[in-house]
Amino acid sequence: MKQFLFIILLIPFLLTAQTVTEGQPTLIYSLPKTEFVVHATVEKITETPGQFYQYSERYLATSDVITSKRTYYRLKSLDVIPSILPDKERTFTIIPKKRSLASLITVTEEGILCGINTHPIQINKEKKIVRKEADRGEQSAQKLLPLSEEYMLAGSEVKMAEGVAKQIYSIRENRADLLAGDVEYVPTDGASMKTMIEQMNQQEEVLTKLFVGTTTVEELTQEMTYTPTKAVKDEVAFRFSEFQGLVPADDLSGSPYYISISFEPVKAVADEKKKKAKEEVFSIIPVLADVILDDGEKVFFQKEITIPQLGILMPIPLETMNKYSRAFVSPETGRLLSVEQGEKK
């Protein structure tokens, strides 16, 4: 009775760091592995108290003000971008031999195998989009404070606050008179009227912030990397902290976000009669995994992703090839795509 085994064809020395002999021609290639780059779109919110916040209730009849400076983060969205890189645990060294097909390997700039007797190809990398929204330019409050000499020379913050409050009320009265047409000059066209009203609104807002404070919102992207090594269920991939944004999984200051990876393992039958080949170049039979990212209640990401490091190694059939043959290997998945049997021209 045949027994099915989950096997990973690894040679022990491949699990250690690669060493080469100085002066000896050596070829090194790696097979790919996939890591997940978690992109979080985050709002960084900074609250700053106004200069006269202590007098807001006295002069503006409001207590809804910012009283201390603080910065916190709010999560808007999450995305997972697969990234391909060389697998250090599946890196092979070849000592070139005369008429050896293994010496005809081609690799990417990163050293990932992409074929035998083929032209090198490059991995298509997704561009990382990092958004950062600059703070909006605001009018300076100092330019809007043509206070009378009485307030400027008082040397008292209370007196200054009183003067700013009177200026706010003056702007409100002038705007009301303009809307009612109770002024000497009323713009004849709607565009001019709209511009004047907007300017008054902006002036009032800037001066009011001296009492209620300011809130600035900056949108940015934070990243966290997760490398899958096995099937997992609700493993903490990272955390989100109100005070720092994305933080590592072991940082308990944040709320956990979970990753689940499920797949059908590649099944292979161990062939005890097969003789070890004189030379081997390996490809991969990767797995297609279902990847889910959630916070325990809401699913932020779910997609099937090919993960080569969770698959098994498989030798390229060099014994069926000659020096005119070509083997094509995907540098993204490590899968053997095709073998073309070439003929001498």
Protein backbone atom coordinates (compact mmCIF):
# COMPACT_ATOMS: atom_id res chain seq x y z
CA MET A 1 0.00 0.00 0.00
CA LYS A 2 1.39 3.36 -1.02
CA GLN A 3 1.72 5.91 1.71
CA PHE A 4 1.34 9.62 0.99
CA LEU A 5 3.81 11.83 2.73
CA PHE A 6 4.13 15.59 3.02
CA ILE A 7 7.78 15.96 2.04
CA ILE A 8 10.06 18.90 1.62
CA LEU A 9 13.13 17.97 -0.38
CA LEU A 10 15.79 19.93 1.44
CA ILE A 11 19.49 19.26 1.52
CA PRO A 12 20.86 19.97 5.04
CA PHE A 13 23.64 22.27 3.92
CA LEU A 14 21.14 24.52 2.18
CA LEU A 15 19.75 25.57 5.53
CA THR A 16 23.04 27.16 6.53
CA ALA A 17 24.75 30.26 5.24
CA GLN A 18 26.32 29.85 1.81
CA THR A 19 30.10 29.71 1.67
CA VAL A 20 32.30 29.89 -1.39
CA THR A 21 35.99 29.26 -1.95
CA GLU A 22 37.91 32.33 -2.97
CA GLY A 23 39.12 32.06 -6.55
CA GLN A 24 36.82 29.12 -7.38
CA PRO A 25 34.07 29.82 -9.95
CA THR A 26 30.76 29.49 -8.14
CA LEU A 27 27.15 30.00 -9.16
CA ILE A 28 24.54 30.80 -6.51
CA TYR A 29 20.81 30.98 -7.01
CA SER A 30 17.88 31.38 -4.68
CA LEU A 31 14.28 30.35 -4.94
CA PRO A 32 11.63 32.95 -4.11
CA LYS A 33 9.61 33.47 -0.99
CA THR A 34 6.64 35.74 -0.41
CA GLU A 35 6.29 38.18 2.43
CA PHE A 36 3.27 40.32 3.14
CA VAL A 37 3.68 44.07 3.40
CA VAL A 38 0.72 45.45 5.31
CA HIS A 39 -0.12 48.99 4.20
CA ALA A 40 -2.21 50.97 6.65
CA THR A 41 -3.73 54.31 5.68
CA VAL A 42 -3.66 56.25 8.92
CA GLU A 43 -4.77 59.66 10.06
CA LYS A 44 -2.39 61.40 12.44
CA ILE A 45 -4.46 63.85 14.44
CA THR A 46 -2.81 66.63 16.45
CA GLU A 47 -4.81 68.77 18.86
CA THR A 48 -3.27 72.03 20.07
CA PRO A 49 -4.89 74.31 22.67
CA GLY A 50 -5.48 77.94 21.79
CA GLN A 51 -3.60 80.77 23.47
CA PHE A 52 -6.74 81.96 25.26
CA TYR A 53 -8.50 78.65 25.93
CA GLN A 54 -8.88 79.54 29.62
CA TYR A 55 -11.11 82.47 28.72
CA SER A 56 -13.28 80.78 26.10
CA GLU A 57 -16.29 80.39 28.37
CA ARG A 58 -16.04 83.95 29.66
CA TYR A 59 -15.80 85.67 26.27
CA LEU A 60 -17.26 83.20 23.74
CA ALA A 61 -19.66 81.32 26.02
CA THR A 62 -18.24 77.93 25.06
CA SER A 63 -16.50 75.22 27.08
CA ASP A 64 -15.99 72.86 24.15
CA VAL A 65 -12.28 73.61 23.76
CA ILE A 66 -8.96 71.80 23.58
CA THR A 67 -7.13 72.22 26.88
CA SER A 68 -3.94 70.20 26.29
CA LYS A 69 -1.80 69.17 23.36
CA ARG A 70 -2.04 65.57 22.21
CA THR A 71 -1.42 63.45 19.13
CA TYR A 72 -3.28 60.27 18.28
CA TYR A 73 -3.79 57.97 15.29
CA ARG A 74 -6.92 56.70 13.58
CA LEU A 75 -6.94 53.74 11.17
CA LYS A 76 -8.74 54.35 7.86
CA SER A 77 -7.95 51.25 5.76
CA LEU A 78 -5.68 48.21 5.45
CA ASP A 79 -4.23 46.47 2.42
CA VAL A 80 -1.79 43.58 1.96
CA ILE A 81 0.80 43.72 -0.83
CA PRO A 82 2.75 40.49 -1.55
CA SER A 83 6.47 41.11 -1.97
CA ILE A 84 8.94 38.65 -3.53
CA LEU A 85 12.46 38.23 -2.20
CA PRO A 86 15.18 35.54 -2.20
CA ASP A 87 14.69 32.71 0.28
CA LYS A 88 17.89 32.33 2.31
CA GLU A 89 16.83 28.84 3.37
CA ARG A 90 16.49 27.79 -0.26
CA THR A 91 19.71 29.16 -1.66
CA PHE A 92 21.88 26.79 -3.69
CA THR A 93 25.54 26.79 -4.65
CA ILE A 94 26.75 25.26 -7.92
CA ILE A 95 30.36 24.59 -8.89
CA PRO A 96 30.27 24.86 -12.70
CA LYS A 97 31.40 21.79 -14.62
CA LYS A 98 32.20 21.39 -18.28
CA ARG A 99 29.09 20.68 -20.37
CA SER A 100 26.93 21.03 -17.26
CA LEU A 101 23.41 22.27 -17.81
CA ALA A 102 23.36 23.52 -14.23
CA SER A 103 26.02 26.05 -15.19
CA LEU A 104 23.55 27.64 -17.64
CA ILE A 105 21.19 28.95 -14.96
CA THR A 106 19.89 32.52 -15.22
CA VAL A 107 18.81 34.64 -12.28
CA THR A 108 17.20 38.00 -11.61
CA GLU A 109 19.12 40.96 -10.18
CA GLU A 110 18.10 39.69 -6.74
CA GLY A 111 19.58 36.26 -7.47
CA ILE A 112 16.27 34.43 -7.87
CA LEU A 113 16.25 31.57 -10.39
CA CYS A 114 14.33 32.33 -13.58
CA GLY A 115 15.47 29.54 -15.87
CA ILE A 116 18.18 27.50 -17.55
CA ASN A 117 19.73 28.69 -20.81
CA THR A 118 17.29 31.62 -20.94
CA HIS A 119 17.52 35.39 -20.81
CA PRO A 120 17.19 36.94 -17.33
CA ILE A 121 13.81 38.45 -16.52
CA GLN A 122 12.81 40.79 -13.76
CA ILE A 123 10.06 40.56 -11.17
CA ASN A 124 7.14 42.90 -11.58
CA LYS A 125 7.03 44.84 -8.35
CA GLU A 126 4.01 46.75 -7.20
CA LYS A 127 4.82 50.34 -6.47
CA LYS A 128 4.33 51.35 -2.90
CA ILE A 129 2.00 54.29 -2.67
CA VAL A 130 2.81 56.49 0.28
CA ARG A 131 0.35 59.31 0.77
CA LYS A 132 1.11 62.24 2.96
CA GLU A 133 -1.24 65.15 3.12
CA ALA A 134 0.44 68.40 3.99
CA ASP A 135 -1.22 70.61 6.53
CA ARG A 136 -3.38 73.27 4.96
CA GLY A 137 -1.92 76.71 5.00
CA GLU A 138 -3.78 78.95 7.41
CA GLN A 139 -3.91 82.64 7.93
CA SER A 140 -1.77 83.81 10.79
CA ALA A 141 -3.77 85.06 13.75
CA GLN A 142 -1.16 87.76 14.31
CA LYS A 143 -2.08 89.37 10.96
CA LEU A 144 -5.70 89.58 12.05
CA LEU A 145 -5.10 91.37 15.31
CA PRO A 146 -5.07 95.11 14.62
CA LEU A 147 -5.96 95.66 18.26
CA SER A 148 -6.13 99.13 19.65
CA GLU A 149 -3.36 100.55 21.75
CA GLU A 150 -5.46 99.89 24.83
CA TYR A 151 -5.18 96.13 24.38
CA MET A 152 -1.66 96.00 22.94
CA LEU A 153 -0.12 97.90 25.86
CA ALA A 154 -2.13 96.23 28.58
CA GLY A 155 0.39 93.44 29.01
CA SER A 156 -2.39 91.23 30.24
CA GLU A 157 -3.46 88.00 28.60
CA VAL A 158 -6.99 88.54 29.89
CA LYS A 159 -7.11 91.95 28.21
CA MET A 160 -5.73 90.49 24.97
CA ALA A 161 -8.37 87.74 25.06
CA GLU A 162 -11.06 90.37 25.54
CA GLY A 163 -9.81 92.31 22.52
CA VAL A 164 -9.75 89.19 20.30
CA ALA A 165 -13.29 88.31 21.41
CA LYS A 166 -14.54 91.81 20.53
CA GLN A 167 -12.95 91.47 17.10
CA ILE A 168 -14.73 88.12 16.57
CA TYR A 169 -18.08 89.72 17.46
CA SER A 170 -17.29 92.65 15.15
CA ILE A 171 -16.69 90.24 12.22
CA ARG A 172 -20.01 88.51 12.96
CA GLU A 173 -21.90 91.82 13.03
CA ASN A 174 -20.32 93.04 9.80
CA ARG A 175 -21.19 89.74 8.09
CA ALA A 176 -24.80 89.95 9.27
CA ASP A 177 -25.09 93.55 8.05
CA LEU A 178 -23.61 92.57 4.68
CA LEU A 179 -26.07 89.71 4.25
CA ALA A 180 -28.94 92.03 5.23
CA GLY A 181 -27.76 94.73 2.84
CA ASP A 182 -27.42 97.15 5.75
CA VAL A 183 -24.06 98.57 4.63
CA GLU A 184 -22.96 101.47 2.44
CA TYR A 185 -21.46 99.19 -0.19
CA VAL A 186 -23.03 95.92 -1.25
CA PRO A 187 -21.35 93.89 -4.05
CA THR A 188 -23.46 93.89 -7.17
CA ASP A 189 -22.50 90.37 -8.28
CA GLY A 190 -22.79 87.08 -6.45
CA ALA A 191 -19.13 86.12 -6.88
CA SER A 192 -17.87 89.23 -5.08
CA MET A 193 -20.40 88.73 -2.29
CA LYS A 194 -19.32 85.11 -1.89
CA THR A 195 -15.64 86.11 -1.72
CA MET A 196 -16.27 88.69 0.98
CA ILE A 197 -18.30 86.26 3.08
CA GLU A 198 -15.62 83.56 2.75
CA GLN A 199 -12.93 86.00 3.87
CA MET A 200 -14.96 86.94 6.94
CA ASN A 201 -15.58 83.28 7.74
CA GLN A 202 -11.87 82.53 7.49
CA GLN A 203 -10.96 85.47 9.72
CA GLU A 204 -13.50 84.41 12.33
CA GLU A 205 -12.26 80.82 12.25
CA VAL A 206 -8.61 81.79 12.74
CA LEU A 207 -9.40 84.09 15.68
CA THR A 208 -11.80 81.59 17.25
CA LYS A 209 -9.04 78.96 17.25
CA LEU A 210 -7.16 81.17 19.71
CA PHE A 211 -9.86 80.12 22.17
CA VAL A 212 -11.07 76.66 21.08
CA GLY A 213 -7.73 75.35 19.76
CA THR A 214 -6.72 73.73 16.48
CA THR A 215 -6.99 70.18 15.13
CA THR A 216 -4.74 69.17 12.23
CA VAL A 217 -5.20 65.91 10.35
CA GLU A 218 -2.30 64.40 8.39
CA GLU A 219 -2.91 61.33 6.24
CA LEU A 220 0.01 58.94 5.90
CA THR A 221 0.82 55.30 5.18
CA GLN A 222 2.48 53.02 7.71
CA GLU A 223 3.91 49.60 6.91
CA MET A 224 4.39 46.32 8.74
CA THR A 225 5.94 43.15 7.28
CA TYR A 226 4.73 39.61 7.94
CA THR A 227 6.48 36.51 6.56
CA PRO A 228 4.31 33.37 6.38
CA THR A 229 6.03 30.17 7.49
CA LYS A 230 3.05 27.87 8.05
CA ALA A 231 -0.72 27.68 8.08
CA VAL A 232 -2.11 29.81 10.92
CA LYS A 233 -5.51 30.65 12.37
CA ASP A 234 -6.10 34.04 13.97
CA GLU A 235 -2.44 34.72 14.66
CA VAL A 236 -1.64 38.28 15.77
CA ALA A 237 0.12 39.85 12.79
CA PHE A 238 0.50 43.33 14.27
CA ARG A 239 -1.30 45.77 16.55
CA PHE A 240 -2.68 49.26 16.14
CA SER A 241 -1.96 51.79 18.85
CA GLU A 242 -3.88 55.02 19.27
CA PHE A 243 -0.64 56.72 20.24
CA GLN A 244 1.79 55.25 17.64
CA GLY A 245 -0.21 53.71 14.82
CA LEU A 246 1.05 50.33 13.59
CA VAL A 247 3.19 48.50 16.15
CA PRO A 248 4.64 44.94 16.30
CA ALA A 249 2.54 42.02 17.48
CA ASP A 250 4.35 41.86 20.82
CA ASP A 251 3.63 45.51 21.63
CA LEU A 252 0.63 45.23 23.94
CA SER A 253 -0.10 48.97 23.76
CA GLY A 254 -2.18 48.37 20.63
CA SER A 255 -5.28 46.40 19.65
CA PRO A 256 -4.54 43.12 17.83
CA TYR A 257 -5.14 42.44 14.14
CA TYR A 258 -5.23 38.80 13.14
CA ILE A 259 -4.03 36.90 10.09
CA SER A 260 -5.26 33.50 8.95
CA ILE A 261 -3.50 31.45 6.24
CA SER A 262 -5.06 28.23 5.01
CA PHE A 263 -4.08 25.98 2.10
CA GLU A 264 -3.98 22.40 0.88
CA PRO A 265 -0.43 21.05 1.33
CA VAL A 266 1.25 19.65 -1.75
CA LYS A 267 1.21 15.86 -1.55
CA ALA A 268 4.12 13.87 -2.92
CA VAL A 269 4.98 10.17 -2.94
CA ALA A 270 8.42 9.26 -1.70
CA ASP A 271 10.24 7.29 -4.39
CA GLU A 272 12.72 5.08 -2.54
CA LYS A 273 14.08 3.56 -5.76
CA LYS A 274 15.00 6.85 -7.37
CA LYS A 275 18.73 7.42 -7.60
CA LYS A 276 20.16 10.76 -6.66
CA ALA A 277 20.97 12.81 -9.75
CA LYS A 278 24.56 13.86 -10.39
CA GLU A 279 23.48 17.48 -10.58
CA GLU A 280 20.22 19.14 -9.67
CA VAL A 281 18.58 22.52 -10.11
CA PHE A 282 15.44 22.95 -8.06
CA SER A 283 12.13 24.58 -8.77
CA ILE A 284 9.09 24.79 -6.48
CA ILE A 285 5.57 23.45 -6.47
CA PRO A 286 4.04 26.38 -4.52
CA VAL A 287 0.78 26.51 -2.62
CA LEU A 288 -2.18 28.80 -3.24
CA ALA A 289 -3.28 30.07 0.16
CA ASP A 290 -6.37 31.90 1.34
CA VAL A 291 -5.17 34.91 3.34
CA ILE A 292 -7.52 36.79 5.66
CA LEU A 293 -6.73 39.88 7.76
CA ASP A 294 -9.26 40.99 10.38
CA ASP A 295 -9.62 42.54 13.82
CA GLY A 296 -11.89 39.86 15.22
CA GLU A 297 -15.02 41.56 13.92
CA LYS A 298 -14.34 43.16 10.54
CA VAL A 299 -12.47 41.57 7.60
CA PHE A 300 -10.08 44.09 6.05
CA PHE A 301 -8.43 41.84 3.47
CA GLN A 302 -9.15 38.45 1.92
CA LYS A 303 -7.42 37.06 -1.16
CA GLU A 304 -5.78 33.94 -2.56
CA ILE A 305 -2.01 34.41 -2.74
CA THR A 306 0.68 32.06 -4.05
CA ILE A 307 3.26 31.35 -1.33
CA PRO A 308 6.31 29.46 -2.66
CA GLN A 309 8.05 28.82 0.68
CA LEU A 310 5.11 26.72 1.85
CA GLY A 311 5.39 24.43 -1.18
CA ILE A 312 7.88 21.64 -1.91
CA LEU A 313 11.10 21.51 -3.91
CA MET A 314 11.14 19.65 -7.20
CA PRO A 315 14.21 19.07 -9.42
CA ILE A 316 14.12 20.38 -12.99
CA PRO A 317 14.43 17.31 -15.30
CA LEU A 318 17.94 18.03 -16.55
CA GLU A 319 18.29 14.42 -17.77
CA THR A 320 15.73 15.15 -20.49
CA MET A 321 17.52 18.29 -21.68
CA ASN A 322 20.52 19.02 -23.87
CA LYS A 323 22.64 22.12 -24.28
CA TYR A 324 20.11 23.56 -26.72
CA SER A 325 17.15 23.08 -24.38
CA ARG A 326 15.64 25.82 -22.26
CA ALA A 327 13.79 25.66 -18.96
CA PHE A 328 11.61 28.58 -17.81
CA VAL A 329 11.03 29.17 -14.09
CA SER A 330 8.77 31.83 -12.58
CA PRO A 331 10.86 34.09 -10.32
CA GLU A 332 7.66 35.07 -8.47
CA THR A 333 6.51 31.56 -7.54
CA GLY A 334 9.51 29.31 -8.27
CA ARG A 335 7.29 27.09 -10.41
CA LEU A 336 8.75 25.33 -13.47
CA LEU A 337 6.73 26.83 -16.32
CA SER A 338 8.03 24.87 -19.30
CA VAL A 339 10.94 22.99 -20.83
CA GLU A 340 11.67 23.56 -24.49
CA GLN A 341 13.66 20.83 -26.21
CA GLY A 342 16.03 22.65 -28.53
CA GLU A 343 17.73 21.16 -31.57
CA LYS A 344 21.06 21.97 -33.12
CA LYS A 345 20.61 24.33 -36.05
